PDB file of all heavy atoms in Angstrom:
ATOM      1  N   PHE A   1      25.594   8.616  -7.197  1.00  0.00           N
ATOM      2  CA  PHE A   1      24.172   8.402  -6.917  1.00  0.00           C
ATOM      3  C   PHE A   1      23.293   8.971  -8.025  1.00  0.00           C
ATOM      4  O   PHE A   1      22.368   8.318  -8.504  1.00  0.00           O
ATOM      5  CB  PHE A   1      23.804   9.026  -5.578  1.00  0.00           C
ATOM      6  CG  PHE A   1      22.347   8.897  -5.233  1.00  0.00           C
ATOM      7  CD1 PHE A   1      21.845   7.728  -4.724  1.00  0.00           C
ATOM      8  CD2 PHE A   1      21.475   9.960  -5.435  1.00  0.00           C
ATOM      9  CE1 PHE A   1      20.515   7.592  -4.430  1.00  0.00           C
ATOM     10  CE2 PHE A   1      20.135   9.853  -5.143  1.00  0.00           C
ATOM     11  CZ  PHE A   1      19.639   8.656  -4.639  1.00  0.00           C
ATOM     12  N   VAL A   2      23.576  10.216  -8.428  1.00  0.00           N
ATOM     13  CA  VAL A   2      22.797  10.850  -9.506  1.00  0.00           C
ATOM     14  C   VAL A   2      22.990  10.107 -10.812  1.00  0.00           C
ATOM     15  O   VAL A   2      22.030   9.890 -11.556  1.00  0.00           O
ATOM     16  CB  VAL A   2      23.187  12.338  -9.647  1.00  0.00           C
ATOM     17  CG1 VAL A   2      22.576  12.954 -10.887  1.00  0.00           C
ATOM     18  CG2 VAL A   2      22.743  13.109  -8.396  1.00  0.00           C
ATOM     19  N   ASN A   3      24.209   9.681 -11.088  1.00  0.00           N
ATOM     20  CA  ASN A   3      24.481   8.924 -12.329  1.00  0.00           C
ATOM     21  C   ASN A   3      23.701   7.607 -12.356  1.00  0.00           C
ATOM     22  O   ASN A   3      23.114   7.242 -13.363  1.00  0.00           O
ATOM     23  CB  ASN A   3      25.975   8.660 -12.463  1.00  0.00           C
ATOM     24  CG  ASN A   3      26.329   7.996 -13.766  1.00  0.00           C
ATOM     25  OD1 ASN A   3      25.666   8.177 -14.776  1.00  0.00           O
ATOM     26  ND2 ASN A   3      27.413   7.227 -13.762  1.00  0.00           N
ATOM     27  N   HIS A   4      23.688   6.921 -11.234  1.00  0.00           N
ATOM     28  CA  HIS A   4      23.009   5.613 -11.167  1.00  0.00           C
ATOM     29  C   HIS A   4      21.481   5.745 -11.188  1.00  0.00           C
ATOM     30  O   HIS A   4      20.789   4.895 -11.697  1.00  0.00           O
ATOM     31  CB  HIS A   4      23.461   4.871  -9.921  1.00  0.00           C
ATOM     32  CG  HIS A   4      23.015   3.452  -9.836  1.00  0.00           C
ATOM     33  ND1 HIS A   4      22.433   2.773 -10.870  1.00  0.00           N
ATOM     34  CD2 HIS A   4      23.057   2.569  -8.821  1.00  0.00           C
ATOM     35  CE1 HIS A   4      22.126   1.548 -10.496  1.00  0.00           C
ATOM     36  NE2 HIS A   4      22.486   1.404  -9.264  1.00  0.00           N
ATOM     37  N   ASN A   5      20.974   6.819 -10.627  1.00  0.00           N
ATOM     38  CA  ASN A   5      19.516   7.008 -10.515  1.00  0.00           C
ATOM     39  C   ASN A   5      18.985   8.140 -11.383  1.00  0.00           C
ATOM     40  O   ASN A   5      17.915   8.680 -11.088  1.00  0.00           O
ATOM     41  CB  ASN A   5      19.163   7.291  -9.056  1.00  0.00           C
ATOM     42  CG  ASN A   5      19.502   6.115  -8.169  1.00  0.00           C
ATOM     43  OD1 ASN A   5      19.038   5.002  -8.376  1.00  0.00           O
ATOM     44  ND2 ASN A   5      20.368   6.340  -7.195  1.00  0.00           N
ATOM     45  N   SER A   6      19.671   8.474 -12.442  1.00  0.00           N
ATOM     46  CA  SER A   6      19.276   9.629 -13.253  1.00  0.00           C
ATOM     47  C   SER A   6      17.897   9.460 -13.892  1.00  0.00           C
ATOM     48  O   SER A   6      17.129  10.423 -13.970  1.00  0.00           O
ATOM     49  CB  SER A   6      20.317   9.903 -14.339  1.00  0.00           C
ATOM     50  OG  SER A   6      20.458   8.800 -15.205  1.00  0.00           O
ATOM     51  N   TYR A   7      17.571   8.249 -14.349  1.00  0.00           N
ATOM     52  CA  TYR A   7      16.241   8.064 -14.959  1.00  0.00           C
ATOM     53  C   TYR A   7      15.144   8.297 -13.954  1.00  0.00           C
ATOM     54  O   TYR A   7      14.167   8.989 -14.229  1.00  0.00           O
ATOM     55  CB  TYR A   7      16.108   6.651 -15.551  1.00  0.00           C
ATOM     56  CG  TYR A   7      14.768   6.447 -16.213  1.00  0.00           C
ATOM     57  CD1 TYR A   7      14.575   6.878 -17.517  1.00  0.00           C
ATOM     58  CD2 TYR A   7      13.680   5.873 -15.534  1.00  0.00           C
ATOM     59  CE1 TYR A   7      13.345   6.715 -18.149  1.00  0.00           C
ATOM     60  CE2 TYR A   7      12.475   5.729 -16.138  1.00  0.00           C
ATOM     61  CZ  TYR A   7      12.287   6.145 -17.455  1.00  0.00           C
ATOM     62  OH  TYR A   7      11.073   6.014 -18.055  1.00  0.00           O
ATOM     63  N   ALA A   8      15.287   7.756 -12.758  1.00  0.00           N
ATOM     64  CA  ALA A   8      14.263   7.933 -11.724  1.00  0.00           C
ATOM     65  C   ALA A   8      14.139   9.383 -11.308  1.00  0.00           C
ATOM     66  O   ALA A   8      13.034   9.887 -11.095  1.00  0.00           O
ATOM     67  CB  ALA A   8      14.576   7.060 -10.531  1.00  0.00           C
ATOM     68  N   ILE A   9      15.269  10.089 -11.221  1.00  0.00           N
ATOM     69  CA  ILE A   9      15.233  11.501 -10.840  1.00  0.00           C
ATOM     70  C   ILE A   9      14.540  12.321 -11.913  1.00  0.00           C
ATOM     71  O   ILE A   9      13.673  13.153 -11.604  1.00  0.00           O
ATOM     72  CB  ILE A   9      16.679  12.011 -10.585  1.00  0.00           C
ATOM     73  CG1 ILE A   9      17.251  11.328  -9.340  1.00  0.00           C
ATOM     74  CG2 ILE A   9      16.718  13.511 -10.441  1.00  0.00           C
ATOM     75  CD1 ILE A   9      18.740  11.512  -9.156  1.00  0.00           C
ATOM     76  N   LEU A  10      14.872  12.114 -13.185  1.00  0.00           N
ATOM     77  CA  LEU A  10      14.246  12.853 -14.259  1.00  0.00           C
ATOM     78  C   LEU A  10      12.781  12.483 -14.428  1.00  0.00           C
ATOM     79  O   LEU A  10      11.938  13.358 -14.691  1.00  0.00           O
ATOM     80  CB  LEU A  10      15.005  12.637 -15.570  1.00  0.00           C
ATOM     81  CG  LEU A  10      16.392  13.282 -15.617  1.00  0.00           C
ATOM     82  CD1 LEU A  10      17.107  12.915 -16.909  1.00  0.00           C
ATOM     83  CD2 LEU A  10      16.278  14.772 -15.475  1.00  0.00           C
ATOM     84  N   ALA A  11      12.448  11.221 -14.267  1.00  0.00           N
ATOM     85  CA  ALA A  11      11.041  10.813 -14.364  1.00  0.00           C
ATOM     86  C   ALA A  11      10.230  11.449 -13.227  1.00  0.00           C
ATOM     87  O   ALA A  11       9.119  11.926 -13.449  1.00  0.00           O
ATOM     88  CB  ALA A  11      10.918   9.293 -14.319  1.00  0.00           C
ATOM     89  N   GLY A  12      10.780  11.456 -12.013  1.00  0.00           N
ATOM     90  CA  GLY A  12      10.099  12.098 -10.894  1.00  0.00           C
ATOM     91  C   GLY A  12       9.910  13.577 -11.113  1.00  0.00           C
ATOM     92  O   GLY A  12       8.846  14.137 -10.815  1.00  0.00           O
ATOM     93  N   ALA A  13      10.946  14.243 -11.667  1.00  0.00           N
ATOM     94  CA  ALA A  13      10.823  15.656 -11.961  1.00  0.00           C
ATOM     95  C   ALA A  13       9.740  15.919 -13.026  1.00  0.00           C
ATOM     96  O   ALA A  13       8.941  16.861 -12.910  1.00  0.00           O
ATOM     97  CB  ALA A  13      12.161  16.212 -12.447  1.00  0.00           C
ATOM     98  N   ALA A  14       9.687  15.074 -14.044  1.00  0.00           N
ATOM     99  CA  ALA A  14       8.667  15.230 -15.099  1.00  0.00           C
ATOM    100  C   ALA A  14       7.274  15.025 -14.522  1.00  0.00           C
ATOM    101  O   ALA A  14       6.326  15.729 -14.864  1.00  0.00           O
ATOM    102  CB  ALA A  14       8.914  14.231 -16.238  1.00  0.00           C
ATOM    103  N   LEU A  15       7.111  14.046 -13.630  1.00  0.00           N
ATOM    104  CA  LEU A  15       5.819  13.824 -13.011  1.00  0.00           C
ATOM    105  C   LEU A  15       5.433  14.980 -12.075  1.00  0.00           C
ATOM    106  O   LEU A  15       4.258  15.385 -12.033  1.00  0.00           O
ATOM    107  CB  LEU A  15       5.807  12.516 -12.241  1.00  0.00           C
ATOM    108  CG  LEU A  15       5.812  11.255 -13.114  1.00  0.00           C
ATOM    109  CD1 LEU A  15       5.968  10.021 -12.261  1.00  0.00           C
ATOM    110  CD2 LEU A  15       4.588  11.176 -13.975  1.00  0.00           C
ATOM    111  N   LEU A  16       6.397  15.520 -11.355  1.00  0.00           N
ATOM    112  CA  LEU A  16       6.093  16.695 -10.497  1.00  0.00           C
ATOM    113  C   LEU A  16       5.703  17.908 -11.324  1.00  0.00           C
ATOM    114  O   LEU A  16       4.739  18.620 -10.974  1.00  0.00           O
ATOM    115  CB  LEU A  16       7.291  17.013  -9.623  1.00  0.00           C
ATOM    116  CG  LEU A  16       7.548  16.088  -8.449  1.00  0.00           C
ATOM    117  CD1 LEU A  16       8.843  16.458  -7.746  1.00  0.00           C
ATOM    118  CD2 LEU A  16       6.383  16.167  -7.467  1.00  0.00           C
ATOM    119  N   ILE A  17       6.403  18.156 -12.413  1.00  0.00           N
ATOM    120  CA  ILE A  17       6.051  19.283 -13.284  1.00  0.00           C
ATOM    121  C   ILE A  17       4.685  19.069 -13.914  1.00  0.00           C
ATOM    122  O   ILE A  17       3.876  19.995 -13.989  1.00  0.00           O
ATOM    123  CB  ILE A  17       7.151  19.486 -14.347  1.00  0.00           C
ATOM    124  CG1 ILE A  17       8.427  19.999 -13.695  1.00  0.00           C
ATOM    125  CG2 ILE A  17       6.675  20.451 -15.445  1.00  0.00           C
ATOM    126  CD1 ILE A  17       9.640  19.979 -14.597  1.00  0.00           C
ATOM    127  N   GLY A  18       4.406  17.823 -14.345  1.00  0.00           N
ATOM    128  CA  GLY A  18       3.093  17.530 -14.914  1.00  0.00           C
ATOM    129  C   GLY A  18       1.992  17.721 -13.897  1.00  0.00           C
ATOM    130  O   GLY A  18       0.926  18.271 -14.209  1.00  0.00           O
ATOM    131  N   ALA A  19       2.185  17.277 -12.665  1.00  0.00           N
ATOM    132  CA  ALA A  19       1.183  17.463 -11.608  1.00  0.00           C
ATOM    133  C   ALA A  19       0.989  18.928 -11.295  1.00  0.00           C
ATOM    134  O   ALA A  19      -0.135  19.400 -11.103  1.00  0.00           O
ATOM    135  CB  ALA A  19       1.605  16.713 -10.355  1.00  0.00           C
ATOM    136  N   TRP A  20       2.092  19.670 -11.255  1.00  0.00           N
ATOM    137  CA  TRP A  20       1.989  21.105 -10.981  1.00  0.00           C
ATOM    138  C   TRP A  20       1.181  21.828 -12.076  1.00  0.00           C
ATOM    139  O   TRP A  20       0.327  22.633 -11.787  1.00  0.00           O
ATOM    140  CB  TRP A  20       3.403  21.695 -10.873  1.00  0.00           C
ATOM    141  CG  TRP A  20       3.406  23.189 -10.666  1.00  0.00           C
ATOM    142  CD1 TRP A  20       3.051  23.876  -9.556  1.00  0.00           C
ATOM    143  CD2 TRP A  20       3.780  24.172 -11.646  1.00  0.00           C
ATOM    144  NE1 TRP A  20       3.177  25.211  -9.757  1.00  0.00           N
ATOM    145  CE2 TRP A  20       3.641  25.427 -11.034  1.00  0.00           C
ATOM    146  CE3 TRP A  20       4.229  24.092 -12.950  1.00  0.00           C
ATOM    147  CZ2 TRP A  20       3.912  26.594 -11.721  1.00  0.00           C
ATOM    148  CZ3 TRP A  20       4.513  25.259 -13.608  1.00  0.00           C
ATOM    149  CH2 TRP A  20       4.357  26.491 -13.005  1.00  0.00           C
ATOM    150  N   ARG A  21       1.471  21.495 -13.348  1.00  0.00           N
ATOM    151  CA  ARG A  21       0.737  22.106 -14.441  1.00  0.00           C
ATOM    152  C   ARG A  21      -0.725  21.696 -14.438  1.00  0.00           C
ATOM    153  O   ARG A  21      -1.586  22.485 -14.742  1.00  0.00           O
ATOM    154  CB  ARG A  21       1.369  21.729 -15.780  1.00  0.00           C
ATOM    155  CG  ARG A  21       2.703  22.445 -16.017  1.00  0.00           C
ATOM    156  CD  ARG A  21       3.223  22.153 -17.397  1.00  0.00           C
ATOM    157  NE  ARG A  21       2.217  22.492 -18.399  1.00  0.00           N
ATOM    158  CZ  ARG A  21       2.378  23.483 -19.299  1.00  0.00           C
ATOM    159  NH1 ARG A  21       3.488  24.147 -19.338  1.00  0.00           N
ATOM    160  NH2 ARG A  21       1.430  23.722 -20.186  1.00  0.00           N
ATOM    161  N   LEU A  22      -0.993  20.448 -14.081  1.00  0.00           N
ATOM    162  CA  LEU A  22      -2.389  19.968 -14.019  1.00  0.00           C
ATOM    163  C   LEU A  22      -3.159  20.701 -12.934  1.00  0.00           C
ATOM    164  O   LEU A  22      -4.280  21.121 -13.153  1.00  0.00           O
ATOM    165  CB  LEU A  22      -2.406  18.456 -13.780  1.00  0.00           C
ATOM    166  CG  LEU A  22      -3.770  17.801 -13.671  1.00  0.00           C
ATOM    167  CD1 LEU A  22      -4.504  17.871 -15.006  1.00  0.00           C
ATOM    168  CD2 LEU A  22      -3.637  16.362 -13.238  1.00  0.00           C
ATOM    169  N   LEU A  23      -2.543  20.866 -11.769  1.00  0.00           N
ATOM    170  CA  LEU A  23      -3.225  21.525 -10.662  1.00  0.00           C
ATOM    171  C   LEU A  23      -3.290  23.028 -10.819  1.00  0.00           C
ATOM    172  O   LEU A  23      -4.197  23.666 -10.270  1.00  0.00           O
ATOM    173  CB  LEU A  23      -2.544  21.152  -9.334  1.00  0.00           C
ATOM    174  CG  LEU A  23      -2.634  19.685  -8.960  1.00  0.00           C
ATOM    175  CD1 LEU A  23      -1.817  19.411  -7.703  1.00  0.00           C
ATOM    176  CD2 LEU A  23      -4.092  19.265  -8.772  1.00  0.00           C
ATOM    177  N   ARG A  24      -2.356  23.599 -11.547  1.00  0.00           N
ATOM    178  CA  ARG A  24      -2.330  25.044 -11.772  1.00  0.00           C
ATOM    179  C   ARG A  24      -3.477  25.459 -12.687  1.00  0.00           C
ATOM    180  O   ARG A  24      -4.059  26.528 -12.511  1.00  0.00           O
ATOM    181  CB  ARG A  24      -0.994  25.442 -12.385  1.00  0.00           C
ATOM    182  CG  ARG A  24      -0.752  26.912 -12.397  1.00  0.00           C
ATOM    183  CD  ARG A  24       0.717  27.188 -12.674  1.00  0.00           C
ATOM    184  NE  ARG A  24       0.889  28.609 -12.819  1.00  0.00           N
ATOM    185  CZ  ARG A  24       1.228  29.200 -13.951  1.00  0.00           C
ATOM    186  NH1 ARG A  24       1.469  28.471 -15.038  1.00  0.00           N
ATOM    187  NH2 ARG A  24       1.364  30.507 -14.024  1.00  0.00           N
ATOM    188  N   ARG A  25      -3.782  24.637 -13.651  1.00  0.00           N
ATOM    189  CA  ARG A  25      -4.922  24.890 -14.527  1.00  0.00           C
ATOM    190  C   ARG A  25      -6.144  24.220 -13.932  1.00  0.00           C
ATOM    191  O   ARG A  25      -6.078  23.549 -12.911  1.00  0.00           O
ATOM    192  CB  ARG A  25      -4.654  24.319 -15.925  1.00  0.00           C
ATOM    193  CG  ARG A  25      -3.451  24.933 -16.583  1.00  0.00           C
ATOM    194  CD  ARG A  25      -3.200  24.260 -17.900  1.00  0.00           C
ATOM    195  NE  ARG A  25      -2.017  24.852 -18.558  1.00  0.00           N
ATOM    196  CZ  ARG A  25      -1.580  24.488 -19.713  1.00  0.00           C
ATOM    197  NH1 ARG A  25      -2.185  23.530 -20.384  1.00  0.00           N
ATOM    198  NH2 ARG A  25      -0.518  25.072 -20.230  1.00  0.00           N
ATOM    199  N   SER A  26      -7.263  24.342 -14.613  1.00  0.00           N
ATOM    200  CA  SER A  26      -8.447  23.654 -14.137  1.00  0.00           C
ATOM    201  C   SER A  26      -8.274  22.156 -14.414  1.00  0.00           C
ATOM    202  O   SER A  26      -7.859  21.749 -15.468  1.00  0.00           O
ATOM    203  CB  SER A  26      -9.696  24.181 -14.829  1.00  0.00           C
ATOM    204  OG  SER A  26      -9.608  23.981 -16.215  1.00  0.00           O
ATOM    205  N   VAL A  27      -8.594  21.359 -13.427  1.00  0.00           N
ATOM    206  CA  VAL A  27      -8.443  19.907 -13.539  1.00  0.00           C
ATOM    207  C   VAL A  27      -9.579  19.362 -14.402  1.00  0.00           C
ATOM    208  O   VAL A  27     -10.760  19.578 -14.092  1.00  0.00           O
ATOM    209  CB  VAL A  27      -8.455  19.241 -12.160  1.00  0.00           C
ATOM    210  CG1 VAL A  27      -8.357  17.737 -12.282  1.00  0.00           C
ATOM    211  CG2 VAL A  27      -7.306  19.796 -11.315  1.00  0.00           C
ATOM    212  N   THR A  28      -9.212  18.714 -15.501  1.00  0.00           N
ATOM    213  CA  THR A  28     -10.207  18.126 -16.402  1.00  0.00           C
ATOM    214  C   THR A  28      -9.904  16.645 -16.547  1.00  0.00           C
ATOM    215  O   THR A  28      -8.801  16.179 -16.229  1.00  0.00           O
ATOM    216  CB  THR A  28     -10.170  18.788 -17.784  1.00  0.00           C
ATOM    217  OG1 THR A  28      -8.892  18.567 -18.359  1.00  0.00           O
ATOM    218  CG2 THR A  28     -10.419  20.284 -17.685  1.00  0.00           C
ATOM    219  N   TRP A  29     -10.880  15.902 -17.074  1.00  0.00           N
ATOM    220  CA  TRP A  29     -10.652  14.467 -17.321  1.00  0.00           C
ATOM    221  C   TRP A  29      -9.546  14.256 -18.354  1.00  0.00           C
ATOM    222  O   TRP A  29      -8.777  13.317 -18.272  1.00  0.00           O
ATOM    223  CB  TRP A  29     -11.940  13.793 -17.761  1.00  0.00           C
ATOM    224  CG  TRP A  29     -12.929  13.650 -16.646  1.00  0.00           C
ATOM    225  CD1 TRP A  29     -14.085  14.323 -16.489  1.00  0.00           C
ATOM    226  CD2 TRP A  29     -12.795  12.790 -15.504  1.00  0.00           C
ATOM    227  NE1 TRP A  29     -14.708  13.935 -15.316  1.00  0.00           N
ATOM    228  CE2 TRP A  29     -13.932  12.999 -14.710  1.00  0.00           C
ATOM    229  CE3 TRP A  29     -11.824  11.880 -15.090  1.00  0.00           C
ATOM    230  CZ2 TRP A  29     -14.103  12.321 -13.517  1.00  0.00           C
ATOM    231  CZ3 TRP A  29     -12.019  11.202 -13.905  1.00  0.00           C
ATOM    232  CH2 TRP A  29     -13.155  11.423 -13.137  1.00  0.00           C
ATOM    233  N   ARG A  30      -9.500  15.151 -19.321  1.00  0.00           N
ATOM    234  CA  ARG A  30      -8.454  15.051 -20.357  1.00  0.00           C
ATOM    235  C   ARG A  30      -7.074  15.253 -19.746  1.00  0.00           C
ATOM    236  O   ARG A  30      -6.143  14.529 -20.033  1.00  0.00           O
ATOM    237  CB  ARG A  30      -8.711  16.074 -21.453  1.00  0.00           C
ATOM    238  CG  ARG A  30      -7.688  16.012 -22.565  1.00  0.00           C
ATOM    239  CD  ARG A  30      -8.036  17.012 -23.664  1.00  0.00           C
ATOM    240  NE  ARG A  30      -7.032  16.961 -24.685  1.00  0.00           N
ATOM    241  CZ  ARG A  30      -6.185  17.934 -24.966  1.00  0.00           C
ATOM    242  NH1 ARG A  30      -6.260  19.062 -24.314  1.00  0.00           N
ATOM    243  NH2 ARG A  30      -5.315  17.802 -25.928  1.00  0.00           N
ATOM    244  N   GLY A  31      -6.946  16.229 -18.863  1.00  0.00           N
ATOM    245  CA  GLY A  31      -5.674  16.486 -18.193  1.00  0.00           C
ATOM    246  C   GLY A  31      -5.262  15.317 -17.323  1.00  0.00           C
ATOM    247  O   GLY A  31      -4.070  14.941 -17.286  1.00  0.00           O
ATOM    248  N   ILE A  32      -6.209  14.744 -16.606  1.00  0.00           N
ATOM    249  CA  ILE A  32      -5.923  13.588 -15.770  1.00  0.00           C
ATOM    250  C   ILE A  32      -5.480  12.405 -16.616  1.00  0.00           C
ATOM    251  O   ILE A  32      -4.542  11.701 -16.296  1.00  0.00           O
ATOM    252  CB  ILE A  32      -7.155  13.232 -14.900  1.00  0.00           C
ATOM    253  CG1 ILE A  32      -7.399  14.341 -13.868  1.00  0.00           C
ATOM    254  CG2 ILE A  32      -6.959  11.891 -14.201  1.00  0.00           C
ATOM    255  CD1 ILE A  32      -8.690  14.217 -13.112  1.00  0.00           C
ATOM    256  N   ALA A  33      -6.170  12.188 -17.755  1.00  0.00           N
ATOM    257  CA  ALA A  33      -5.806  11.086 -18.651  1.00  0.00           C
ATOM    258  C   ALA A  33      -4.410  11.282 -19.220  1.00  0.00           C
ATOM    259  O   ALA A  33      -3.627  10.341 -19.290  1.00  0.00           O
ATOM    260  CB  ALA A  33      -6.836  10.982 -19.764  1.00  0.00           C
ATOM    261  N   LEU A  34      -4.081  12.519 -19.594  1.00  0.00           N
ATOM    262  CA  LEU A  34      -2.729  12.782 -20.124  1.00  0.00           C
ATOM    263  C   LEU A  34      -1.674  12.592 -19.054  1.00  0.00           C
ATOM    264  O   LEU A  34      -0.599  12.053 -19.335  1.00  0.00           O
ATOM    265  CB  LEU A  34      -2.662  14.200 -20.684  1.00  0.00           C
ATOM    266  CG  LEU A  34      -3.414  14.431 -22.003  1.00  0.00           C
ATOM    267  CD1 LEU A  34      -3.424  15.908 -22.361  1.00  0.00           C
ATOM    268  CD2 LEU A  34      -2.793  13.634 -23.119  1.00  0.00           C
ATOM    269  N   TYR A  35      -1.978  12.989 -17.828  1.00  0.00           N
ATOM    270  CA  TYR A  35      -1.021  12.796 -16.724  1.00  0.00           C
ATOM    271  C   TYR A  35      -0.821  11.313 -16.446  1.00  0.00           C
ATOM    272  O   TYR A  35       0.303  10.857 -16.246  1.00  0.00           O
ATOM    273  CB  TYR A  35      -1.494  13.522 -15.486  1.00  0.00           C
ATOM    274  CG  TYR A  35      -0.541  13.407 -14.333  1.00  0.00           C
ATOM    275  CD1 TYR A  35       0.638  14.152 -14.326  1.00  0.00           C
ATOM    276  CD2 TYR A  35      -0.781  12.548 -13.285  1.00  0.00           C
ATOM    277  CE1 TYR A  35       1.546  14.045 -13.285  1.00  0.00           C
ATOM    278  CE2 TYR A  35       0.126  12.427 -12.235  1.00  0.00           C
ATOM    279  CZ  TYR A  35       1.290  13.182 -12.235  1.00  0.00           C
ATOM    280  OH  TYR A  35       2.177  13.054 -11.212  1.00  0.00           O
ATOM    281  N   LEU A  36      -1.891  10.535 -16.435  1.00  0.00           N
ATOM    282  CA  LEU A  36      -1.786   9.099 -16.224  1.00  0.00           C
ATOM    283  C   LEU A  36      -1.019   8.419 -17.351  1.00  0.00           C
ATOM    284  O   LEU A  36      -0.240   7.479 -17.111  1.00  0.00           O
ATOM    285  CB  LEU A  36      -3.165   8.471 -16.024  1.00  0.00           C
ATOM    286  CG  LEU A  36      -3.886   8.860 -14.751  1.00  0.00           C
ATOM    287  CD1 LEU A  36      -5.291   8.272 -14.740  1.00  0.00           C
ATOM    288  CD2 LEU A  36      -3.102   8.432 -13.532  1.00  0.00           C
ATOM    289  N   ALA A  37      -1.206   8.892 -18.589  1.00  0.00           N
ATOM    290  CA  ALA A  37      -0.450   8.351 -19.713  1.00  0.00           C
ATOM    291  C   ALA A  37       1.037   8.646 -19.563  1.00  0.00           C
ATOM    292  O   ALA A  37       1.884   7.793 -19.811  1.00  0.00           O
ATOM    293  CB  ALA A  37      -0.979   8.902 -21.019  1.00  0.00           C
ATOM    294  N   LEU A  38       1.351   9.866 -19.127  1.00  0.00           N
ATOM    295  CA  LEU A  38       2.760  10.241 -18.883  1.00  0.00           C
ATOM    296  C   LEU A  38       3.357   9.363 -17.792  1.00  0.00           C
ATOM    297  O   LEU A  38       4.462   8.847 -17.913  1.00  0.00           O
ATOM    298  CB  LEU A  38       2.857  11.709 -18.478  1.00  0.00           C
ATOM    299  CG  LEU A  38       4.240  12.194 -18.029  1.00  0.00           C
ATOM    300  CD1 LEU A  38       5.220  12.149 -19.194  1.00  0.00           C
ATOM    301  CD2 LEU A  38       4.150  13.591 -17.448  1.00  0.00           C
TER     302      LEU A  38
END
């Protein structure tokens, strides 16, 4: 399962880490734009 879905798992982890970093700092338009680009 992990082998077959590794891209989705890693992409989800990257998005969760990005959201956590965005919310941990002050939310700015630049941060939101970078998160949406990611």
